[in-house]
């Protein structure tokens, strides 16, 4: 399971999802120089093997493969000097690329 911090829950709750959108899909996909990256997108259909996580009034849908990488992670919303967005703190990550856009899990 993943934990959704109050900062992320607050931001997600403010999203206006119009049907047929049912929530937000979180995925781990092949990408970048370290091999894996996080992706968030609108979800229109719950798959049979999805894990569903409540985040305030919204639901997050995570496919079984991505859940293997995300288990035990925390999702935060961070606002820094010139950037803001969702950020994962993932205890499974063993290395990251220099730019921080992708990660590797052994």
Protein backbone atom coordinates (compact mmCIF):
# COMPACT_ATOMS: atom_id res chain seq x y z
CA UNK A 1 0.00 0.00 0.00
CA UNK A 2 1.07 3.61 -0.37
CA UNK A 3 0.49 6.47 2.06
CA UNK A 4 -0.95 9.73 0.76
CA UNK A 5 0.37 12.63 2.85
CA UNK A 6 -1.94 15.49 3.84
CA UNK A 7 -0.26 17.82 1.32
CA UNK A 8 -1.05 15.46 -1.60
CA UNK A 9 -4.50 14.59 -0.29
CA UNK A 10 -5.39 18.29 -0.09
CA UNK A 11 -4.24 18.96 -3.66
CA UNK A 12 -5.98 15.84 -5.03
CA UNK A 13 -9.25 16.74 -3.30
CA UNK A 14 -9.29 20.06 -5.18
CA UNK A 15 -9.16 18.33 -8.59
CA UNK A 16 -12.40 18.52 -10.57
CA UNK A 17 -12.87 15.14 -12.26
CA UNK A 18 -15.66 15.01 -14.78
CA UNK A 19 -17.23 11.71 -15.85
CA UNK A 20 -16.21 9.34 -17.27
CA UNK A 21 -13.05 10.03 -15.21
CA UNK A 22 -13.17 7.97 -11.98
CA UNK A 23 -9.89 9.04 -10.36
CA UNK A 24 -6.14 9.26 -10.87
CA UNK A 25 -3.98 6.40 -12.17
CA UNK A 26 -0.45 6.12 -10.81
CA UNK A 27 1.99 4.04 -12.82
CA UNK A 28 5.66 3.15 -12.83
CA UNK A 29 6.89 3.00 -16.41
CA UNK A 30 10.13 2.34 -18.26
CA UNK A 31 11.82 5.69 -18.76
CA UNK A 32 14.91 7.82 -18.28
CA UNK A 33 18.52 6.93 -17.74
CA UNK A 34 17.95 4.89 -14.56
CA UNK A 35 15.14 2.83 -16.03
CA UNK A 36 11.88 3.73 -14.24
CA UNK A 37 9.74 6.83 -13.72
CA UNK A 38 6.46 7.73 -12.03
CA UNK A 39 3.44 8.71 -14.11
CA UNK A 40 0.11 10.15 -13.01
CA UNK A 41 -2.87 10.48 -15.35
CA UNK A 42 -6.64 10.52 -15.31
CA UNK A 43 -8.22 7.09 -14.86
CA UNK A 44 -11.34 6.13 -16.79
CA UNK A 45 -11.60 2.44 -15.94
CA UNK A 46 -10.75 0.28 -12.96
CA UNK A 47 -8.82 -2.81 -13.96
CA UNK A 48 -9.42 -6.09 -12.14
CA UNK A 49 -5.94 -6.17 -10.59
CA UNK A 50 -5.83 -2.49 -9.55
CA UNK A 51 -5.14 -1.48 -5.98
CA UNK A 52 -7.43 1.41 -5.04
CA UNK A 53 -6.21 3.98 -2.52
CA UNK A 54 -8.51 6.64 -1.09
CA UNK A 55 -7.08 10.16 -1.02
CA UNK A 56 -9.73 12.30 0.61
CA UNK A 57 -12.68 12.39 -1.79
CA UNK A 58 -10.60 11.02 -4.69
CA UNK A 59 -9.38 7.53 -5.56
CA UNK A 60 -5.97 6.51 -6.84
CA UNK A 61 -5.73 3.42 -9.07
CA UNK A 62 -2.46 1.50 -9.18
CA UNK A 63 -1.89 -1.52 -11.42
CA UNK A 64 -0.36 -4.67 -9.92
CA UNK A 65 3.04 -4.29 -11.63
CA UNK A 66 3.44 -0.68 -10.48
CA UNK A 67 2.39 -1.62 -6.96
CA UNK A 68 5.43 -3.90 -6.72
CA UNK A 69 7.64 -0.80 -7.07
CA UNK A 70 5.43 1.57 -5.04
CA UNK A 71 4.69 -0.58 -1.98
CA UNK A 72 5.56 1.38 1.17
CA UNK A 73 5.89 4.70 -0.65
CA UNK A 74 4.64 8.09 0.50
CA UNK A 75 3.05 10.53 -1.93
CA UNK A 76 3.56 14.22 -1.09
CA UNK A 77 2.82 17.51 -2.78
CA UNK A 78 5.81 19.82 -2.51
CA UNK A 79 6.10 23.48 -3.37
CA UNK A 80 9.67 24.71 -3.69
CA UNK A 81 11.15 27.95 -4.93
CA UNK A 82 10.53 27.56 -8.67
CA UNK A 83 8.77 24.24 -8.88
CA UNK A 84 5.88 22.36 -7.39
CA UNK A 85 4.26 19.00 -7.86
CA UNK A 86 3.68 15.51 -6.56
CA UNK A 87 6.70 13.69 -5.17
CA UNK A 88 7.19 10.08 -4.11
CA UNK A 89 9.33 9.00 -1.19
CA UNK A 90 9.98 5.41 -2.13
CA UNK A 91 11.92 3.08 0.21
CA UNK A 92 12.41 0.58 -2.63
CA UNK A 93 14.59 2.88 -4.75
CA UNK A 94 18.23 1.82 -4.80
CA UNK A 95 19.55 4.53 -7.15
CA UNK A 96 18.40 7.59 -9.09
CA UNK A 97 19.69 9.37 -12.15
CA UNK A 98 21.53 12.65 -11.71
CA UNK A 99 18.58 14.80 -12.77
CA UNK A 100 16.21 12.94 -10.43
CA UNK A 101 13.64 12.11 -13.13
CA UNK A 102 14.10 8.35 -13.06
CA UNK A 103 15.04 5.65 -10.58
CA UNK A 104 16.14 2.04 -10.25
CA UNK A 105 14.96 -0.77 -7.98
CA UNK A 106 16.93 -3.99 -7.47
